[in-house]
PDB file of N, CA and C in Angstrom:
ATOM      1  N   MET A   1      57.772-237.452 200.169  1.00  0.00           N
ATOM      2  CA  MET A   1      56.942-238.290 199.333  1.00  0.00           C
ATOM      3  C   MET A   1      56.466-237.448 198.154  1.00  0.00           C
ATOM      4  N   ALA A   2      56.544-238.000 196.962  1.00  0.00           N
ATOM      5  CA  ALA A   2      56.154-237.279 195.753  1.00  0.00           C
ATOM      6  C   ALA A   2      54.633-237.291 195.584  1.00  0.00           C
ATOM      7  N   GLU A   3      54.120-236.234 194.993  1.00  0.00           N
ATOM      8  CA  GLU A   3      52.680-236.103 194.764  1.00  0.00           C
ATOM      9  C   GLU A   3      52.424-236.166 193.255  1.00  0.00           C
ATOM     10  N   TYR A   4      51.434-236.967 192.864  1.00  0.00           N
ATOM     11  CA  TYR A   4      51.134-237.188 191.449  1.00  0.00           C
ATOM     12  C   TYR A   4      49.646-237.034 191.180  1.00  0.00           C
ATOM     13  N   GLU A   5      49.337-236.626 189.940  1.00  0.00           N
ATOM     14  CA  GLU A   5      47.987-236.804 189.420  1.00  0.00           C
ATOM     15  C   GLU A   5      48.005-238.175 188.756  1.00  0.00           C
ATOM     16  N   LEU A   6      47.055-239.015 189.100  1.00  0.00           N
ATOM     17  CA  LEU A   6      46.992-240.373 188.562  1.00  0.00           C
ATOM     18  C   LEU A   6      45.802-240.487 187.619  1.00  0.00           C
ATOM     19  N   VAL A   7      46.084-240.962 186.408  1.00  0.00           N
ATOM     20  CA  VAL A   7      45.028-241.281 185.447  1.00  0.00           C
ATOM     21  C   VAL A   7      45.084-242.783 185.238  1.00  0.00           C
ATOM     22  N   ARG A   8      43.967-243.458 185.519  1.00  0.00           N
ATOM     23  CA  ARG A   8      43.889-244.915 185.351  1.00  0.00           C
ATOM     24  C   ARG A   8      42.933-245.205 184.201  1.00  0.00           C
ATOM     25  N   GLU A   9      43.434-245.880 183.172  1.00  0.00           N
ATOM     26  CA  GLU A   9      42.630-246.213 182.002  1.00  0.00           C
ATOM     27  C   GLU A   9      42.415-247.724 181.926  1.00  0.00           C
ATOM     28  N   ILE A  10      41.155-248.109 181.742  1.00  0.00           N
ATOM     29  CA  ILE A  10      40.811-249.518 181.583  1.00  0.00           C
ATOM     30  C   ILE A  10      40.052-249.645 180.268  1.00  0.00           C
ATOM     31  N   PRO A  11      40.626-250.340 179.274  1.00  0.00           N
ATOM     32  CA  PRO A  11      39.946-250.454 177.977  1.00  0.00           C
ATOM     33  C   PRO A  11      38.711-251.338 178.073  1.00  0.00           C
ATOM     34  N   ASN A  12      37.747-251.055 177.205  1.00  0.00           N
ATOM     35  CA  ASN A  12      36.533-251.862 177.120  1.00  0.00           C
ATOM     36  C   ASN A  12      36.798-252.974 176.113  1.00  0.00           C
ATOM     37  N   LEU A  13      36.630-254.216 176.512  1.00  0.00           N
ATOM     38  CA  LEU A  13      36.938-255.349 175.643  1.00  0.00           C
ATOM     39  C   LEU A  13      35.773-255.779 174.762  1.00  0.00           C
ATOM     40  N   CYS A  14      34.648-255.074 174.850  1.00  0.00           N
ATOM     41  CA  CYS A  14      33.499-255.415 174.007  1.00  0.00           C
ATOM     42  C   CYS A  14      33.791-255.049 172.554  1.00  0.00           C
ATOM     43  N   ARG A  15      33.371-255.889 171.632  1.00  0.00           N
ATOM     44  CA  ARG A  15      33.605-255.634 170.209  1.00  0.00           C
ATOM     45  C   ARG A  15      32.934-254.338 169.780  1.00  0.00           C
ATOM     46  N   ASN A  16      33.572-253.638 168.875  1.00  0.00           N
ATOM     47  CA  ASN A  16      33.054-252.398 168.282  1.00  0.00           C
ATOM     48  C   ASN A  16      32.807-251.294 169.294  1.00  0.00           C
ATOM     49  N   ASN A  17      33.448-251.347 170.434  1.00  0.00           N
ATOM     50  CA  ASN A  17      33.294-250.299 171.441  1.00  0.00           C
ATOM     51  C   ASN A  17      34.682-249.749 171.754  1.00  0.00           C
ATOM     52  N   GLN A  18      34.940-248.525 171.359  1.00  0.00           N
ATOM     53  CA  GLN A  18      36.246-247.910 171.551  1.00  0.00           C
ATOM     54  C   GLN A  18      36.351-247.140 172.862  1.00  0.00           C
ATOM     55  N   MET A  19      35.287-247.089 173.639  1.00  0.00           N
ATOM     56  CA  MET A  19      35.287-246.345 174.892  1.00  0.00           C
ATOM     57  C   MET A  19      36.144-247.072 175.922  1.00  0.00           C
ATOM     58  N   ARG A  20      36.598-246.337 176.911  1.00  0.00           N
ATOM     59  CA  ARG A  20      37.365-246.902 178.011  1.00  0.00           C
ATOM     60  C   ARG A  20      36.951-246.203 179.293  1.00  0.00           C
ATOM     61  N   ASP A  21      37.138-246.883 180.403  1.00  0.00           N
ATOM     62  CA  ASP A  21      36.895-246.263 181.703  1.00  0.00           C
ATOM     63  C   ASP A  21      38.142-245.471 182.070  1.00  0.00           C
ATOM     64  N   VAL A  22      37.945-244.244 182.524  1.00  0.00           N
ATOM     65  CA  VAL A  22      39.062-243.390 182.906  1.00  0.00           C
ATOM     66  C   VAL A  22      38.764-242.811 184.285  1.00  0.00           C
ATOM     67  N   PHE A  23      39.715-242.970 185.205  1.00  0.00           N
ATOM     68  CA  PHE A  23      39.566-242.476 186.574  1.00  0.00           C
ATOM     69  C   PHE A  23      40.714-241.524 186.884  1.00  0.00           C
ATOM     70  N   PHE A  24      40.415-240.424 187.580  1.00  0.00           N
ATOM     71  CA  PHE A  24      41.413-239.426 187.960  1.00  0.00           C
ATOM     72  C   PHE A  24      41.488-239.337 189.475  1.00  0.00           C
ATOM     73  N   SER A  25      42.703-239.195 190.001  1.00  0.00           N
ATOM     74  CA  SER A  25      42.871-238.986 191.439  1.00  0.00           C
ATOM     75  C   SER A  25      44.245-238.371 191.688  1.00  0.00           C
ATOM     76  N   GLU A  26      44.453-237.897 192.906  1.00  0.00           N
ATOM     77  CA  GLU A  26      45.756-237.406 193.328  1.00  0.00           C
ATOM     78  C   GLU A  26      46.290-238.364 194.383  1.00  0.00           C
ATOM     79  N   VAL A  27      47.546-238.772 194.230  1.00  0.00           N
ATOM     80  CA  VAL A  27      48.154-239.734 195.152  1.00  0.00           C
ATOM     81  C   VAL A  27      49.535-239.261 195.572  1.00  0.00           C
ATOM     82  N   GLU A  28      49.968-239.734 196.725  1.00  0.00           N
ATOM     83  CA  GLU A  28      51.328-239.516 197.204  1.00  0.00           C
ATOM     84  C   GLU A  28      52.020-240.866 197.287  1.00  0.00           C
ATOM     85  N   THR A  29      53.177-240.979 196.647  1.00  0.00           N
ATOM     86  CA  THR A  29      53.937-242.227 196.671  1.00  0.00           C
ATOM     87  C   THR A  29      55.385-241.938 196.298  1.00  0.00           C
ATOM     88  N   GLU A  30      56.275-242.749 196.795  1.00  0.00           N
ATOM     89  CA  GLU A  30      57.682-242.643 196.409  1.00  0.00           C
ATOM     90  C   GLU A  30      57.961-243.425 195.132  1.00  0.00           C
ATOM     91  N   ASP A  31      57.185-244.500 194.906  1.00  0.00           N
ATOM     92  CA  ASP A  31      57.421-245.367 193.752  1.00  0.00           C
ATOM     93  C   ASP A  31      56.084-245.759 193.118  1.00  0.00           C
ATOM     94  N   PRO A  32      55.770-245.237 191.921  1.00  0.00           N
ATOM     95  CA  PRO A  32      54.503-245.562 191.267  1.00  0.00           C
ATOM     96  C   PRO A  32      54.298-247.057 191.017  1.00  0.00           C
ATOM     97  N   VAL A  33      55.368-247.803 190.714  1.00  0.00           N
ATOM     98  CA  VAL A  33      55.219-249.239 190.458  1.00  0.00           C
ATOM     99  C   VAL A  33      54.768-249.955 191.729  1.00  0.00           C
ATOM    100  N   ILE A  34      55.357-249.606 192.854  1.00  0.00           N
ATOM    101  CA  ILE A  34      54.942-250.204 194.130  1.00  0.00           C
ATOM    102  C   ILE A  34      53.511-249.807 194.457  1.00  0.00           C
ATOM    103  N   TYR A  35      53.134-248.564 194.151  1.00  0.00           N
ATOM    104  CA  TYR A  35      51.755-248.108 194.389  1.00  0.00           C
ATOM    105  C   TYR A  35      50.773-248.987 193.612  1.00  0.00           C
ATOM    106  N   VAL A  36      51.053-249.246 192.322  1.00  0.00           N
ATOM    107  CA  VAL A  36      50.149-250.069 191.504  1.00  0.00           C
ATOM    108  C   VAL A  36      50.119-251.498 192.039  1.00  0.00           C
ATOM    109  N   ARG A  37      51.278-252.033 192.408  1.00  0.00           N
ATOM    110  CA  ARG A  37      51.323-253.404 192.949  1.00  0.00           C
ATOM    111  C   ARG A  37      50.466-253.514 194.216  1.00  0.00           C
ATOM    112  N   GLN A  38      50.507-252.500 195.084  1.00  0.00           N
ATOM    113  CA  GLN A  38      49.688-252.508 196.295  1.00  0.00           C
ATOM    114  C   GLN A  38      48.214-252.266 195.968  1.00  0.00           C
ATOM    115  N   PHE A  39      47.943-251.443 194.965  1.00  0.00           N
ATOM    116  CA  PHE A  39      46.565-251.159 194.553  1.00  0.00           C
ATOM    117  C   PHE A  39      45.889-252.420 194.048  1.00  0.00           C
ATOM    118  N   LEU A  40      46.633-253.251 193.322  1.00  0.00           N
ATOM    119  CA  LEU A  40      46.093-254.490 192.758  1.00  0.00           C
ATOM    120  C   LEU A  40      46.489-255.709 193.581  1.00  0.00           C
ATOM    121  N   LYS A  41      46.735-255.515 194.856  1.00  0.00           N
ATOM    122  CA  LYS A  41      47.233-256.593 195.721  1.00  0.00           C
ATOM    123  C   LYS A  41      46.298-257.802 195.722  1.00  0.00           C
ATOM    124  N   GLY A  42      46.903-258.952 195.915  1.00  0.00           N
ATOM    125  CA  GLY A  42      46.126-260.188 195.981  1.00  0.00           C
ATOM    126  C   GLY A  42      45.784-260.759 194.623  1.00  0.00           C
ATOM    127  N   LYS A  43      46.299-260.135 193.561  1.00  0.00           N
ATOM    128  CA  LYS A  43      46.004-260.614 192.223  1.00  0.00           C
ATOM    129  C   LYS A  43      47.314-260.979 191.528  1.00  0.00           C
ATOM    130  N   ASP A  44      47.243-261.905 190.586  1.00  0.00           N
ATOM    131  CA  ASP A  44      48.410-262.278 189.797  1.00  0.00           C
ATOM    132  C   ASP A  44      48.554-261.255 188.677  1.00  0.00           C
ATOM    133  N   ILE A  45      49.567-260.404 188.775  1.00  0.00           N
ATOM    134  CA  ILE A  45      49.723-259.317 187.809  1.00  0.00           C
ATOM    135  C   ILE A  45      51.124-259.288 187.235  1.00  0.00           C
ATOM    136  N   THR A  46      51.225-258.713 186.051  1.00  0.00           N
ATOM    137  CA  THR A  46      52.505-258.452 185.405  1.00  0.00           C
ATOM    138  C   THR A  46      52.593-256.950 185.187  1.00  0.00           C
ATOM    139  N   LEU A  47      53.696-256.348 185.631  1.00  0.00           N
ATOM    140  CA  LEU A  47      53.861-254.896 185.518  1.00  0.00           C
ATOM    141  C   LEU A  47      55.042-254.557 184.633  1.00  0.00           C
ATOM    142  N   SER A  48      54.888-253.463 183.883  1.00  0.00           N
ATOM    143  CA  SER A  48      56.006-252.856 183.156  1.00  0.00           C
ATOM    144  C   SER A  48      55.822-251.351 183.260  1.00  0.00           C
ATOM    145  N   SER A  49      56.913-250.611 183.163  1.00  0.00           N
ATOM    146  CA  SER A  49      56.793-249.163 183.328  1.00  0.00           C
ATOM    147  C   SER A  49      57.726-248.420 182.388  1.00  0.00           C
ATOM    148  N   GLU A  50      57.377-247.165 182.140  1.00  0.00           N
ATOM    149  CA  GLU A  50      58.180-246.253 181.338  1.00  0.00           C
ATOM    150  C   GLU A  50      58.284-244.948 182.110  1.00  0.00           C
ATOM    151  N   GLN A  51      59.442-244.316 182.082  1.00  0.00           N
ATOM    152  CA  GLN A  51      59.602-243.013 182.724  1.00  0.00           C
ATOM    153  C   GLN A  51      60.069-242.016 181.679  1.00  0.00           C
ATOM    154  N   ARG A  52      59.373-240.879 181.596  1.00  0.00           N
ATOM    155  CA  ARG A  52      59.743-239.827 180.649  1.00  0.00           C
ATOM    156  C   ARG A  52      60.637-238.802 181.326  1.00  0.00           C
ATOM    157  N   SER A  53      61.269-237.993 180.530  1.00  0.00           N
ATOM    158  CA  SER A  53      62.198-236.986 181.061  1.00  0.00           C
ATOM    159  C   SER A  53      61.509-235.924 181.905  1.00  0.00           C
ATOM    160  N   ASP A  54      60.196-235.716 181.712  1.00  0.00           N
ATOM    161  CA  ASP A  54      59.464-234.716 182.504  1.00  0.00           C
ATOM    162  C   ASP A  54      59.001-235.263 183.854  1.00  0.00           C
ATOM    163  N   GLY A  55      59.353-236.520 184.163  1.00  0.00           N
ATOM    164  CA  GLY A  55      58.983-237.113 185.445  1.00  0.00           C
ATOM    165  C   GLY A  55      57.725-237.955 185.412  1.00  0.00           C
ATOM    166  N   THR A  56      57.025-237.964 184.290  1.00  0.00           N
ATOM    167  CA  THR A  56      55.814-238.771 184.160  1.00  0.00           C
ATOM    168  C   THR A  56      56.187-240.249 184.093  1.00  0.00           C
ATOM    169  N   VAL A  57      55.469-241.057 184.861  1.00  0.00           N
ATOM    170  CA  VAL A  57      55.701-242.500 184.882  1.00  0.00           C
ATOM    171  C   VAL A  57      54.414-243.186 184.427  1.00  0.00           C
ATOM    172  N   THR A  58      54.536-244.064 183.429  1.00  0.00           N
ATOM    173  CA  THR A  58      53.401-244.849 182.960  1.00  0.00           C
ATOM    174  C   THR A  58      53.647-246.296 183.358  1.00  0.00           C
ATOM    175  N   VAL A  59      52.677-246.877 184.066  1.00  0.00           N
ATOM    176  CA  VAL A  59      52.774-248.262 184.505  1.00  0.00           C
ATOM    177  C   VAL A  59      51.673-249.048 183.813  1.00  0.00           C
ATOM    178  N   TYR A  60      52.056-250.124 183.131  1.00  0.00           N
ATOM    179  CA  TYR A  60      51.107-251.019 182.481  1.00  0.00           C
ATOM    180  C   TYR A  60      50.958-252.252 183.366  1.00  0.00           C
ATOM    181  N   ALA A  61      49.726-252.606 183.677  1.00  0.00           N
ATOM    182  CA  ALA A  61      49.459-253.770 184.517  1.00  0.00           C
ATOM    183  C   ALA A  61      48.546-254.730 183.756  1.00  0.00           C
ATOM    184  N   VAL A  62      48.972-255.974 183.643  1.00  0.00           N
ATOM    185  CA  VAL A  62      48.134-257.007 183.044  1.00  0.00           C
ATOM    186  C   VAL A  62      47.654-257.879 184.189  1.00  0.00           C
ATOM    187  N   CYS A  63      46.351-257.884 184.381  1.00  0.00           N
ATOM    188  CA  CYS A  63      45.734-258.605 185.500  1.00  0.00           C
ATOM    189  C   CYS A  63      44.565-259.412 184.957  1.00  0.00           C
ATOM    190  N   ASP A  64      44.651-260.732 185.052  1.00  0.00           N
ATOM    191  CA  ASP A  64      43.605-261.620 184.545  1.00  0.00           C
ATOM    192  C   ASP A  64      43.283-261.353 183.079  1.00  0.00           C
ATOM    193  N   GLY A  65      44.305-261.075 182.274  1.00  0.00           N
ATOM    194  CA  GLY A  65      44.123-260.857 180.848  1.00  0.00           C
ATOM    195  C   GLY A  65      43.679-259.457 180.466  1.00  0.00           C
ATOM    196  N   LEU A  66      43.477-258.588 181.428  1.00  0.00           N
ATOM    197  CA  LEU A  66      43.038-257.219 181.170  1.00  0.00           C
ATOM    198  C   LEU A  66      44.200-256.265 181.424  1.00  0.00           C
ATOM    199  N   THR A  67      44.527-255.444 180.436  1.00  0.00           N
ATOM    200  CA  THR A  67      45.602-254.473 180.585  1.00  0.00           C
ATOM    201  C   THR A  67      45.035-253.150 181.072  1.00  0.00           C
ATOM    202  N   GLN A  68      45.637-252.614 182.123  1.00  0.00           N
ATOM    203  CA  GLN A  68      45.275-251.301 182.644  1.00  0.00           C
ATOM    204  C   GLN A  68      46.496-250.409 182.533  1.00  0.00           C
ATOM    205  N   LYS A  69      46.262-249.119 182.306  1.00  0.00           N
ATOM    206  CA  LYS A  69      47.356-248.172 182.202  1.00  0.00           C
ATOM    207  C   LYS A  69      47.196-247.141 183.311  1.00  0.00           C
ATOM    208  N   PHE A  70      48.268-246.953 184.078  1.00  0.00           N
ATOM    209  CA  PHE A  70      48.313-245.974 185.169  1.00  0.00           C
ATOM    210  C   PHE A  70      49.332-244.910 184.778  1.00  0.00           C
ATOM    211  N   ILE A  71      48.895-243.651 184.647  1.00  0.00           N
ATOM    212  CA  ILE A  71      49.793-242.561 184.267  1.00  0.00           C
ATOM    213  C   ILE A  71      49.961-241.641 185.468  1.00  0.00           C
ATOM    214  N   PHE A  72      51.186-241.561 185.972  1.00  0.00           N
ATOM    215  CA  PHE A  72      51.517-240.721 187.136  1.00  0.00           C
ATOM    216  C   PHE A  72      52.231-239.469 186.636  1.00  0.00           C
ATOM    217  N   THR A  73      51.597-238.311 186.791  1.00  0.00           N
ATOM    218  CA  THR A  73      52.186-237.036 186.383  1.00  0.00           C
ATOM    219  C   THR A  73      52.507-236.222 187.635  1.00  0.00           C
ATOM    220  N   PRO A  74      53.759-235.802 187.804  1.00  0.00           N
ATOM    221  CA  PRO A  74      54.121-235.024 188.992  1.00  0.00           C
ATOM    222  C   PRO A  74      53.303-233.737 189.093  1.00  0.00           C
ATOM    223  N   ILE A  75      52.918-233.403 190.311  1.00  0.00           N
ATOM    224  CA  ILE A  75      52.161-232.167 190.553  1.00  0.00           C
ATOM    225  C   ILE A  75      53.123-231.101 191.020  1.00  0.00           C
TER     226      ILE A  75
END
């Protein structure tokens, strides 16, 4: 099972506020997209992902009109 540092970013939708919530954690998973789908289970979500050559996987999740970004960096 692969080990990743996970950065989860949630933008603030309030006008004139550029801040965002950012959470850091370490996770073990074989597939980051499946991890996000299970993390947001029970919700109607749309996922898309990008994989870079260094192994970093970015997963974008749109859930109830709110876009969250999950960045998985191999440890």
